[in-house]
Amino acid sequence: EAGRGRAAFHSTEAQSDFMAFAQMFRAWRSSVSRHQGQAFCSAHSLSADVLYQIEELRQQYFSYLIDTGFVQVDTDTRNALARRRSRQGRPRLMDIPAHLDTYGQSVPV
């Protein structure tokens, strides 16, 4: 059953499991922003807890890039990221600033 739910994200452009997962994660984030995250997970046999953990890791990695100086952001972005990471429970979704997300929507990487 889980395979059928995930198979919907394989495409002719990106047939690898990794690229299917990236598309699935992007679709999940979009559904969460519309308050339909749990329904999305149920429909595709996914774990919301695992997806939120991945979101948290994504934010941690972004923070490390900022802290090491590899990525430069303004003070507002830095403060918003710190507020998100200091919350208890599930992390709030965070968008990468557009000027740093040049290929974020690109499927054929």
PDB file of N, CA and C in Angstrom:
ATOM      1  N   GLU A   1       0.818  -1.199   0.000  1.00  0.00           N
ATOM      2  CA  GLU A   1       0.000   0.000   0.000  1.00  0.00           C
ATOM      3  C   GLU A   1       0.860   1.261   0.000  1.00  0.00           C
ATOM      4  N   ALA A   2       1.919   1.242   0.814  1.00  0.00           N
ATOM      5  CA  ALA A   2       2.800   2.407   0.881  1.00  0.00           C
ATOM      6  C   ALA A   2       3.426   2.681  -0.473  1.00  0.00           C
ATOM      7  N   GLY A   3       3.794   1.624  -1.185  1.00  0.00           N
ATOM      8  CA  GLY A   3       4.395   1.791  -2.499  1.00  0.00           C
ATOM      9  C   GLY A   3       3.461   2.450  -3.482  1.00  0.00           C
ATOM     10  N   ARG A   4       2.176   2.108  -3.422  1.00  0.00           N
ATOM     11  CA  ARG A   4       1.202   2.733  -4.336  1.00  0.00           C
ATOM     12  C   ARG A   4       1.064   4.223  -4.056  1.00  0.00           C
ATOM     13  N   GLY A   5       1.038   4.594  -2.775  1.00  0.00           N
ATOM     14  CA  GLY A   5       0.900   6.005  -2.421  1.00  0.00           C
ATOM     15  C   GLY A   5       2.087   6.823  -2.879  1.00  0.00           C
ATOM     16  N   ARG A   6       3.257   6.228  -2.797  1.00  0.00           N
ATOM     17  CA  ARG A   6       4.469   6.942  -3.191  1.00  0.00           C
ATOM     18  C   ARG A   6       4.686   6.908  -4.696  1.00  0.00           C
ATOM     19  N   ALA A   7       4.160   5.902  -5.355  1.00  0.00           N
ATOM     20  CA  ALA A   7       4.352   5.768  -6.805  1.00  0.00           C
ATOM     21  C   ALA A   7       3.782   6.955  -7.567  1.00  0.00           C
ATOM     22  N   ALA A   8       2.828   7.625  -6.973  1.00  0.00           N
ATOM     23  CA  ALA A   8       2.224   8.781  -7.637  1.00  0.00           C
ATOM     24  C   ALA A   8       3.232   9.897  -7.872  1.00  0.00           C
ATOM     25  N   PHE A   9       4.364   9.855  -7.184  1.00  0.00           N
ATOM     26  CA  PHE A   9       5.342  10.929  -7.302  1.00  0.00           C
ATOM     27  C   PHE A   9       6.484  10.607  -8.243  1.00  0.00           C
ATOM     28  N   HIS A  10       6.498   9.421  -8.794  1.00  0.00           N
ATOM     29  CA  HIS A  10       7.487   9.102  -9.823  1.00  0.00           C
ATOM     30  C   HIS A  10       7.011   9.738 -11.123  1.00  0.00           C
ATOM     31  N   SER A  11       7.929  10.296 -11.868  1.00  0.00           N
ATOM     32  CA  SER A  11       7.571  10.924 -13.142  1.00  0.00           C
ATOM     33  C   SER A  11       8.554  10.484 -14.214  1.00  0.00           C
ATOM     34  N   THR A  12       8.247  10.834 -15.436  1.00  0.00           N
ATOM     35  CA  THR A  12       9.157  10.480 -16.525  1.00  0.00           C
ATOM     36  C   THR A  12      10.442  11.300 -16.430  1.00  0.00           C
ATOM     37  N   GLU A  13      10.373  12.479 -15.820  1.00  0.00           N
ATOM     38  CA  GLU A  13      11.559  13.319 -15.683  1.00  0.00           C
ATOM     39  C   GLU A  13      12.474  12.820 -14.573  1.00  0.00           C
ATOM     40  N   ALA A  14      11.892  12.299 -13.510  1.00  0.00           N
ATOM     41  CA  ALA A  14      12.688  11.892 -12.345  1.00  0.00           C
ATOM     42  C   ALA A  14      12.168  10.562 -11.836  1.00  0.00           C
ATOM     43  N   GLN A  15      12.790   9.505 -12.279  1.00  0.00           N
ATOM     44  CA  GLN A  15      12.306   8.186 -11.900  1.00  0.00           C
ATOM     45  C   GLN A  15      13.021   7.622 -10.673  1.00  0.00           C
ATOM     46  N   SER A  16      13.981   8.313 -10.144  1.00  0.00           N
ATOM     47  CA  SER A  16      14.695   7.800  -8.972  1.00  0.00           C
ATOM     48  C   SER A  16      13.830   7.946  -7.724  1.00  0.00           C
ATOM     49  N   ASP A  17      14.089   7.091  -6.762  1.00  0.00           N
ATOM     50  CA  ASP A  17      13.359   7.171  -5.493  1.00  0.00           C
ATOM     51  C   ASP A  17      13.621   8.496  -4.794  1.00  0.00           C
ATOM     52  N   PHE A  18      14.864   8.975  -4.872  1.00  0.00           N
ATOM     53  CA  PHE A  18      15.203  10.232  -4.210  1.00  0.00           C
ATOM     54  C   PHE A  18      14.412  11.400  -4.790  1.00  0.00           C
ATOM     55  N   MET A  19      14.331  11.467  -6.109  1.00  0.00           N
ATOM     56  CA  MET A  19      13.606  12.574  -6.732  1.00  0.00           C
ATOM     57  C   MET A  19      12.096  12.451  -6.468  1.00  0.00           C
ATOM     58  N   ALA A  20      11.592  11.224  -6.441  1.00  0.00           N
ATOM     59  CA  ALA A  20      10.181  11.030  -6.096  1.00  0.00           C
ATOM     60  C   ALA A  20       9.932  11.510  -4.669  1.00  0.00           C
ATOM     61  N   PHE A  21      10.856  11.205  -3.763  1.00  0.00           N
ATOM     62  CA  PHE A  21      10.704  11.661  -2.385  1.00  0.00           C
ATOM     63  C   PHE A  21      10.748  13.184  -2.305  1.00  0.00           C
ATOM     64  N   ALA A  22      11.648  13.801  -3.056  1.00  0.00           N
ATOM     65  CA  ALA A  22      11.731  15.271  -3.042  1.00  0.00           C
ATOM     66  C   ALA A  22      10.417  15.882  -3.514  1.00  0.00           C
ATOM     67  N   GLN A  23       9.817  15.314  -4.546  1.00  0.00           N
ATOM     68  CA  GLN A  23       8.525  15.812  -5.030  1.00  0.00           C
ATOM     69  C   GLN A  23       7.433  15.583  -3.985  1.00  0.00           C
ATOM     70  N   MET A  24       7.475  14.421  -3.340  1.00  0.00           N
ATOM     71  CA  MET A  24       6.499  14.103  -2.317  1.00  0.00           C
ATOM     72  C   MET A  24       6.629  15.075  -1.138  1.00  0.00           C
ATOM     73  N   PHE A  25       7.856  15.358  -0.716  1.00  0.00           N
ATOM     74  CA  PHE A  25       8.078  16.282   0.392  1.00  0.00           C
ATOM     75  C   PHE A  25       7.569  17.677   0.043  1.00  0.00           C
ATOM     76  N   ARG A  26       7.837  18.119  -1.164  1.00  0.00           N
ATOM     77  CA  ARG A  26       7.354  19.432  -1.617  1.00  0.00           C
ATOM     78  C   ARG A  26       5.822  19.469  -1.609  1.00  0.00           C
ATOM     79  N   ALA A  27       5.195  18.389  -2.080  1.00  0.00           N
ATOM     80  CA  ALA A  27       3.726  18.328  -2.099  1.00  0.00           C
ATOM     81  C   ALA A  27       3.164  18.300  -0.675  1.00  0.00           C
ATOM     82  N   TRP A  28       3.826  17.576   0.222  1.00  0.00           N
ATOM     83  CA  TRP A  28       3.383  17.542   1.615  1.00  0.00           C
ATOM     84  C   TRP A  28       3.452  18.934   2.239  1.00  0.00           C
ATOM     85  N   ARG A  29       4.558  19.643   2.010  1.00  0.00           N
ATOM     86  CA  ARG A  29       4.694  20.996   2.567  1.00  0.00           C
ATOM     87  C   ARG A  29       3.583  21.903   2.057  1.00  0.00           C
ATOM     88  N   SER A  30       3.262  21.753   0.780  1.00  0.00           N
ATOM     89  CA  SER A  30       2.179  22.538   0.199  1.00  0.00           C
ATOM     90  C   SER A  30       0.841  22.197   0.856  1.00  0.00           C
ATOM     91  N   SER A  31       0.604  20.923   1.109  1.00  0.00           N
ATOM     92  CA  SER A  31      -0.661  20.521   1.743  1.00  0.00           C
ATOM     93  C   SER A  31      -0.734  21.005   3.190  1.00  0.00           C
ATOM     94  N   VAL A  32       0.392  21.016   3.888  1.00  0.00           N
ATOM     95  CA  VAL A  32       0.405  21.521   5.263  1.00  0.00           C
ATOM     96  C   VAL A  32       0.044  23.006   5.275  1.00  0.00           C
ATOM     97  N   SER A  33       0.548  23.756   4.316  1.00  0.00           N
ATOM     98  CA  SER A  33       0.244  25.193   4.270  1.00  0.00           C
ATOM     99  C   SER A  33      -1.244  25.442   4.013  1.00  0.00           C
ATOM    100  N   ARG A  34      -1.939  24.432   3.468  1.00  0.00           N
ATOM    101  CA  ARG A  34      -3.388  24.531   3.240  1.00  0.00           C
ATOM    102  C   ARG A  34      -4.174  23.802   4.334  1.00  0.00           C
ATOM    103  N   HIS A  35      -3.487  23.431   5.425  1.00  0.00           N
ATOM    104  CA  HIS A  35      -4.080  22.724   6.564  1.00  0.00           C
ATOM    105  C   HIS A  35      -4.652  21.369   6.154  1.00  0.00           C
ATOM    106  N   GLN A  36      -3.986  20.697   5.219  1.00  0.00           N
ATOM    107  CA  GLN A  36      -4.426  19.381   4.758  1.00  0.00           C
ATOM    108  C   GLN A  36      -3.305  18.355   4.847  1.00  0.00           C
ATOM    109  N   GLY A  37      -2.339  18.605   5.714  1.00  0.00           N
ATOM    110  CA  GLY A  37      -1.177  17.740   5.825  1.00  0.00           C
ATOM    111  C   GLY A  37      -1.511  16.320   6.247  1.00  0.00           C
ATOM    112  N   GLN A  38      -2.381  16.172   7.240  1.00  0.00           N
ATOM    113  CA  GLN A  38      -2.720  14.834   7.726  1.00  0.00           C
ATOM    114  C   GLN A  38      -3.471  14.045   6.656  1.00  0.00           C
ATOM    115  N   ALA A  39      -4.371  14.696   5.942  1.00  0.00           N
ATOM    116  CA  ALA A  39      -5.098  14.016   4.866  1.00  0.00           C
ATOM    117  C   ALA A  39      -4.135  13.569   3.770  1.00  0.00           C
ATOM    118  N   PHE A  40      -3.151  14.409   3.462  1.00  0.00           N
ATOM    119  CA  PHE A  40      -2.148  14.060   2.461  1.00  0.00           C
ATOM    120  C   PHE A  40      -1.374  12.819   2.899  1.00  0.00           C
ATOM    121  N   CYS A  41      -0.960  12.798   4.155  1.00  0.00           N
ATOM    122  CA  CYS A  41      -0.203  11.652   4.663  1.00  0.00           C
ATOM    123  C   CYS A  41      -1.040  10.379   4.617  1.00  0.00           C
ATOM    124  N   SER A  42      -2.290  10.475   4.993  1.00  0.00           N
ATOM    125  CA  SER A  42      -3.174   9.306   4.950  1.00  0.00           C
ATOM    126  C   SER A  42      -3.364   8.808   3.527  1.00  0.00           C
ATOM    127  N   ALA A  43      -3.543   9.718   2.604  1.00  0.00           N
ATOM    128  CA  ALA A  43      -3.782   9.340   1.210  1.00  0.00           C
ATOM    129  C   ALA A  43      -2.568   8.675   0.571  1.00  0.00           C
ATOM    130  N   HIS A  44      -1.367   9.006   1.054  1.00  0.00           N
ATOM    131  CA  HIS A  44      -0.141   8.489   0.445  1.00  0.00           C
ATOM    132  C   HIS A  44       0.642   7.555   1.372  1.00  0.00           C
ATOM    133  N   SER A  45       0.004   7.120   2.450  1.00  0.00           N
ATOM    134  CA  SER A  45       0.627   6.188   3.403  1.00  0.00           C
ATOM    135  C   SER A  45       1.967   6.710   3.916  1.00  0.00           C
ATOM    136  N   LEU A  46       1.962   7.966   4.360  1.00  0.00           N
ATOM    137  CA  LEU A  46       3.169   8.603   4.876  1.00  0.00           C
ATOM    138  C   LEU A  46       3.006   8.899   6.363  1.00  0.00           C
ATOM    139  N   SER A  47       4.112   9.079   7.036  1.00  0.00           N
ATOM    140  CA  SER A  47       4.102   9.437   8.443  1.00  0.00           C
ATOM    141  C   SER A  47       4.339  10.941   8.589  1.00  0.00           C
ATOM    142  N   ALA A  48       3.363  11.630   9.153  1.00  0.00           N
ATOM    143  CA  ALA A  48       3.516  13.070   9.380  1.00  0.00           C
ATOM    144  C   ALA A  48       4.684  13.336  10.323  1.00  0.00           C
ATOM    145  N   ASP A  49       4.868  12.491  11.335  1.00  0.00           N
ATOM    146  CA  ASP A  49       5.968  12.684  12.280  1.00  0.00           C
ATOM    147  C   ASP A  49       7.320  12.646  11.575  1.00  0.00           C
ATOM    148  N   VAL A  50       7.490  11.692  10.670  1.00  0.00           N
ATOM    149  CA  VAL A  50       8.750  11.579   9.942  1.00  0.00           C
ATOM    150  C   VAL A  50       8.957  12.792   9.047  1.00  0.00           C
ATOM    151  N   LEU A  51       7.914  13.244   8.382  1.00  0.00           N
ATOM    152  CA  LEU A  51       8.043  14.411   7.502  1.00  0.00           C
ATOM    153  C   LEU A  51       8.374  15.667   8.299  1.00  0.00           C
ATOM    154  N   TYR A  52       7.799  15.808   9.480  1.00  0.00           N
ATOM    155  CA  TYR A  52       8.151  16.953  10.325  1.00  0.00           C
ATOM    156  C   TYR A  52       9.596  16.845  10.823  1.00  0.00           C
ATOM    157  N   GLN A  53      10.071  15.631  11.083  1.00  0.00           N
ATOM    158  CA  GLN A  53      11.465  15.458  11.472  1.00  0.00           C
ATOM    159  C   GLN A  53      12.391  15.878  10.337  1.00  0.00           C
ATOM    160  N   ILE A  54      12.011  15.543   9.114  1.00  0.00           N
ATOM    161  CA  ILE A  54      12.806  15.949   7.957  1.00  0.00           C
ATOM    162  C   ILE A  54      12.801  17.470   7.828  1.00  0.00           C
ATOM    163  N   GLU A  55      11.663  18.092   8.057  1.00  0.00           N
ATOM    164  CA  GLU A  55      11.587  19.559   8.028  1.00  0.00           C
ATOM    165  C   GLU A  55      12.504  20.154   9.092  1.00  0.00           C
ATOM    166  N   GLU A  56      12.515  19.546  10.256  1.00  0.00           N
ATOM    167  CA  GLU A  56      13.389  20.040  11.322  1.00  0.00           C
ATOM    168  C   GLU A  56      14.864  19.911  10.927  1.00  0.00           C
ATOM    169  N   LEU A  57      15.239  18.790  10.331  1.00  0.00           N
ATOM    170  CA  LEU A  57      16.616  18.609   9.861  1.00  0.00           C
ATOM    171  C   LEU A  57      16.962  19.627   8.785  1.00  0.00           C
ATOM    172  N   ARG A  58      16.023  19.911   7.931  1.00  0.00           N
ATOM    173  CA  ARG A  58      16.215  20.912   6.871  1.00  0.00           C
ATOM    174  C   ARG A  58      16.538  22.271   7.488  1.00  0.00           C
ATOM    175  N   GLN A  59      15.794  22.628   8.525  1.00  0.00           N
ATOM    176  CA  GLN A  59      16.027  23.903   9.200  1.00  0.00           C
ATOM    177  C   GLN A  59      17.362  23.907   9.937  1.00  0.00           C
ATOM    178  N   GLN A  60      17.721  22.791  10.547  1.00  0.00           N
ATOM    179  CA  GLN A  60      19.012  22.703  11.230  1.00  0.00           C
ATOM    180  C   GLN A  60      20.154  22.873  10.229  1.00  0.00           C
ATOM    181  N   TYR A  61      20.051  22.193   9.113  1.00  0.00           N
ATOM    182  CA  TYR A  61      21.099  22.289   8.098  1.00  0.00           C
ATOM    183  C   TYR A  61      21.220  23.727   7.592  1.00  0.00           C
ATOM    184  N   PHE A  62      20.094  24.376   7.354  1.00  0.00           N
ATOM    185  CA  PHE A  62      20.111  25.771   6.916  1.00  0.00           C
ATOM    186  C   PHE A  62      20.775  26.645   7.979  1.00  0.00           C
ATOM    187  N   SER A  63      20.477  26.385   9.247  1.00  0.00           N
ATOM    188  CA  SER A  63      21.101  27.146  10.340  1.00  0.00           C
ATOM    189  C   SER A  63      22.611  26.952  10.358  1.00  0.00           C
ATOM    190  N   TYR A  64      23.056  25.724  10.135  1.00  0.00           N
ATOM    191  CA  TYR A  64      24.493  25.455  10.111  1.00  0.00           C
ATOM    192  C   TYR A  64      25.170  26.208   8.969  1.00  0.00           C
ATOM    193  N   LEU A  65      24.520  26.248   7.825  1.00  0.00           N
ATOM    194  CA  LEU A  65      25.085  26.992   6.694  1.00  0.00           C
ATOM    195  C   LEU A  65      25.208  28.477   7.018  1.00  0.00           C
ATOM    196  N   ILE A  66      24.222  29.006   7.738  1.00  0.00           N
ATOM    197  CA  ILE A  66      24.258  30.414   8.142  1.00  0.00           C
ATOM    198  C   ILE A  66      25.336  30.631   9.203  1.00  0.00           C
ATOM    199  N   ASP A  67      25.354  29.766  10.217  1.00  0.00           N
ATOM    200  CA  ASP A  67      26.304  29.915  11.329  1.00  0.00           C
ATOM    201  C   ASP A  67      27.752  29.836  10.868  1.00  0.00           C
ATOM    202  N   THR A  68      28.029  29.033   9.853  1.00  0.00           N
ATOM    203  CA  THR A  68      29.405  28.903   9.362  1.00  0.00           C
ATOM    204  C   THR A  68      29.775  30.008   8.385  1.00  0.00           C
ATOM    205  N   GLY A  69      28.798  30.838   8.011  1.00  0.00           N
ATOM    206  CA  GLY A  69      29.063  31.929   7.082  1.00  0.00           C
ATOM    207  C   GLY A  69      28.997  31.520   5.623  1.00  0.00           C
ATOM    208  N   PHE A  70      28.637  30.270   5.354  1.00  0.00           N
ATOM    209  CA  PHE A  70      28.535  29.807   3.974  1.00  0.00           C
ATOM    210  C   PHE A  70      27.364  30.469   3.262  1.00  0.00           C
ATOM    211  N   VAL A  71      26.306  30.763   4.027  1.00  0.00           N
ATOM    212  CA  VAL A  71      25.113  31.431   3.491  1.00  0.00           C
ATOM    213  C   VAL A  71      24.910  32.715   4.277  1.00  0.00           C
ATOM    214  N   GLN A  72      24.703  33.800   3.578  1.00  0.00           N
ATOM    215  CA  GLN A  72      24.461  35.095   4.203  1.00  0.00           C
ATOM    216  C   GLN A  72      22.975  35.424   4.142  1.00  0.00           C
ATOM    217  N   VAL A  73      22.382  35.767   5.279  1.00  0.00           N
ATOM    218  CA  VAL A  73      20.974  36.171   5.328  1.00  0.00           C
ATOM    219  C   VAL A  73      20.863  37.431   6.164  1.00  0.00           C
ATOM    220  N   ASP A  74      19.740  38.110   6.010  1.00  0.00           N
ATOM    221  CA  ASP A  74      19.519  39.317   6.799  1.00  0.00           C
ATOM    222  C   ASP A  74      19.116  38.936   8.231  1.00  0.00           C
ATOM    223  N   THR A  75      19.110  39.918   9.093  1.00  0.00           N
ATOM    224  CA  THR A  75      18.818  39.697  10.509  1.00  0.00           C
ATOM    225  C   THR A  75      17.414  39.147  10.711  1.00  0.00           C
ATOM    226  N   ASP A  76      16.440  39.630   9.942  1.00  0.00           N
ATOM    227  CA  ASP A  76      15.065  39.143  10.086  1.00  0.00           C
ATOM    228  C   ASP A  76      14.970  37.646   9.803  1.00  0.00           C
ATOM    229  N   THR A  77      15.637  37.186   8.757  1.00  0.00           N
ATOM    230  CA  THR A  77      15.617  35.760   8.421  1.00  0.00           C
ATOM    231  C   THR A  77      16.300  34.945   9.508  1.00  0.00           C
ATOM    232  N   ARG A  78      17.415  35.432   9.997  1.00  0.00           N
ATOM    233  CA  ARG A  78      18.147  34.739  11.071  1.00  0.00           C
ATOM    234  C   ARG A  78      17.282  34.636  12.326  1.00  0.00           C
ATOM    235  N   ASN A  79      16.602  35.724  12.691  1.00  0.00           N
ATOM    236  CA  ASN A  79      15.753  35.727  13.881  1.00  0.00           C
ATOM    237  C   ASN A  79      14.531  34.821  13.709  1.00  0.00           C
ATOM    238  N   ALA A  80      13.943  34.839  12.523  1.00  0.00           N
ATOM    239  CA  ALA A  80      12.785  33.977  12.262  1.00  0.00           C
ATOM    240  C   ALA A  80      13.173  32.505  12.375  1.00  0.00           C
ATOM    241  N   LEU A  81      14.336  32.163  11.873  1.00  0.00           N
ATOM    242  CA  LEU A  81      14.813  30.789  11.959  1.00  0.00           C
ATOM    243  C   LEU A  81      15.063  30.391  13.416  1.00  0.00           C
ATOM    244  N   ALA A  82      15.644  31.278  14.188  1.00  0.00           N
ATOM    245  CA  ALA A  82      15.895  30.994  15.605  1.00  0.00           C
ATOM    246  C   ALA A  82      14.583  30.789  16.365  1.00  0.00           C
ATOM    247  N   ARG A  83      13.571  31.610  16.064  1.00  0.00           N
ATOM    248  CA  ARG A  83      12.266  31.446  16.722  1.00  0.00           C
ATOM    249  C   ARG A  83      11.642  30.104  16.369  1.00  0.00           C
ATOM    250  N   ARG A  84      11.723  29.716  15.120  1.00  0.00           N
ATOM    251  CA  ARG A  84      11.155  28.431  14.703  1.00  0.00           C
ATOM    252  C   ARG A  84      11.848  27.270  15.406  1.00  0.00           C
ATOM    253  N   ARG A  85      13.147  27.354  15.534  1.00  0.00           N
ATOM    254  CA  ARG A  85      13.919  26.252  16.110  1.00  0.00           C
ATOM    255  C   ARG A  85      13.785  26.184  17.619  1.00  0.00           C
ATOM    256  N   SER A  86      13.366  27.262  18.261  1.00  0.00           N
ATOM    257  CA  SER A  86      13.265  27.255  19.721  1.00  0.00           C
ATOM    258  C   SER A  86      11.898  26.773  20.208  1.00  0.00           C
ATOM    259  N   ARG A  87      10.959  26.597  19.307  1.00  0.00           N
ATOM    260  CA  ARG A  87       9.617  26.140  19.691  1.00  0.00           C
ATOM    261  C   ARG A  87       9.635  24.672  20.076  1.00  0.00           C
ATOM    262  N   GLN A  88       8.744  24.302  20.959  1.00  0.00           N
ATOM    263  CA  GLN A  88       8.553  22.902  21.332  1.00  0.00           C
ATOM    264  C   GLN A  88       7.527  22.290  20.385  1.00  0.00           C
ATOM    265  N   GLY A  89       7.588  20.986  20.225  1.00  0.00           N
ATOM    266  CA  GLY A  89       6.626  20.300  19.369  1.00  0.00           C
ATOM    267  C   GLY A  89       7.064  20.321  17.915  1.00  0.00           C
ATOM    268  N   ARG A  90       6.124  20.161  17.047  1.00  0.00           N
ATOM    269  CA  ARG A  90       6.427  20.117  15.622  1.00  0.00           C
ATOM    270  C   ARG A  90       6.915  21.472  15.127  1.00  0.00           C
ATOM    271  N   PRO A  91       7.901  21.447  14.259  1.00  0.00           N
ATOM    272  CA  PRO A  91       8.411  22.725  13.737  1.00  0.00           C
ATOM    273  C   PRO A  91       7.415  23.350  12.767  1.00  0.00           C
ATOM    274  N   ARG A  92       7.411  24.654  12.722  1.00  0.00           N
ATOM    275  CA  ARG A  92       6.644  25.347  11.699  1.00  0.00           C
ATOM    276  C   ARG A  92       7.447  25.280  10.418  1.00  0.00           C
ATOM    277  N   LEU A  93       6.757  25.206   9.300  1.00  0.00           N
ATOM    278  CA  LEU A  93       7.451  25.141   8.023  1.00  0.00           C
ATOM    279  C   LEU A  93       8.160  26.456   7.750  1.00  0.00           C
ATOM    280  N   MET A  94       9.309  26.360   7.134  1.00  0.00           N
ATOM    281  CA  MET A  94      10.109  27.534   6.823  1.00  0.00           C
ATOM    282  C   MET A  94      10.449  27.524   5.337  1.00  0.00           C
ATOM    283  N   ASP A  95      10.247  28.650   4.703  1.00  0.00           N
ATOM    284  CA  ASP A  95      10.637  28.785   3.306  1.00  0.00           C
ATOM    285  C   ASP A  95      12.051  29.341   3.239  1.00  0.00           C
ATOM    286  N   ILE A  96      12.830  28.792   2.333  1.00  0.00           N
ATOM    287  CA  ILE A  96      14.162  29.313   2.077  1.00  0.00           C
ATOM    288  C   ILE A  96      13.984  30.614   1.286  1.00  0.00           C
ATOM    289  N   PRO A  97      14.697  31.680   1.636  1.00  0.00           N
ATOM    290  CA  PRO A  97      14.566  32.926   0.872  1.00  0.00           C
ATOM    291  C   PRO A  97      14.784  32.665  -0.629  1.00  0.00           C
ATOM    292  N   ALA A  98      13.982  33.288  -1.444  1.00  0.00           N
ATOM    293  CA  ALA A  98      13.969  33.032  -2.892  1.00  0.00           C
ATOM    294  C   ALA A  98      15.351  33.183  -3.532  1.00  0.00           C
ATOM    295  N   HIS A  99      16.126  34.164  -3.089  1.00  0.00           N
ATOM    296  CA  HIS A  99      17.437  34.368  -3.717  1.00  0.00           C
ATOM    297  C   HIS A  99      18.419  33.241  -3.389  1.00  0.00           C
ATOM    298  N   LEU A 100      18.104  32.405  -2.393  1.00  0.00           N
ATOM    299  CA  LEU A 100      18.950  31.263  -2.041  1.00  0.00           C
ATOM    300  C   LEU A 100      18.368  29.941  -2.552  1.00  0.00           C
ATOM    301  N   ASP A 101      17.208  29.990  -3.141  1.00  0.00           N
ATOM    302  CA  ASP A 101      16.493  28.787  -3.550  1.00  0.00           C
ATOM    303  C   ASP A 101      16.338  28.717  -5.065  1.00  0.00           C
ATOM    304  N   THR A 102      17.400  28.987  -5.762  1.00  0.00           N
ATOM    305  CA  THR A 102      17.377  29.061  -7.216  1.00  0.00           C
ATOM    306  C   THR A 102      16.834  27.789  -7.861  1.00  0.00           C
ATOM    307  N   TYR A 103      17.248  26.632  -7.357  1.00  0.00           N
ATOM    308  CA  TYR A 103      16.856  25.365  -7.977  1.00  0.00           C
ATOM    309  C   TYR A 103      15.899  24.554  -7.106  1.00  0.00           C
ATOM    310  N   GLY A 104      15.268  25.174  -6.143  1.00  0.00           N
ATOM    311  CA  GLY A 104      14.399  24.473  -5.226  1.00  0.00           C
ATOM    312  C   GLY A 104      13.193  23.815  -5.860  1.00  0.00           C
ATOM    313  N   GLN A 105      12.715  24.328  -6.967  1.00  0.00           N
ATOM    314  CA  GLN A 105      11.560  23.755  -7.638  1.00  0.00           C
ATOM    315  C   GLN A 105      11.938  22.964  -8.868  1.00  0.00           C
ATOM    316  N   SER A 106      13.216  22.802  -9.099  1.00  0.00           N
ATOM    317  CA  SER A 106      13.692  22.106 -10.285  1.00  0.00           C
ATOM    318  C   SER A 106      13.671  20.604 -10.069  1.00  0.00           C
ATOM    319  N   VAL A 107      13.063  19.871 -10.986  1.00  0.00           N
ATOM    320  CA  VAL A 107      13.034  18.416 -10.884  1.00  0.00           C
ATOM    321  C   VAL A 107      14.312  17.812 -11.482  1.00  0.00           C
ATOM    322  N   PRO A 108      14.688  18.142 -12.700  1.00  0.00           N
ATOM    323  CA  PRO A 108      15.880  17.505 -13.275  1.00  0.00           C
ATOM    324  C   PRO A 108      17.162  18.167 -12.784  1.00  0.00           C
ATOM    325  N   VAL A 109      17.594  17.749 -11.611  1.00  0.00           N
ATOM    326  CA  VAL A 109      18.769  18.358 -10.992  1.00  0.00           C
ATOM    327  C   VAL A 109      20.039  17.921 -11.678  1.00  0.00           C
TER     328      VAL A 109
END
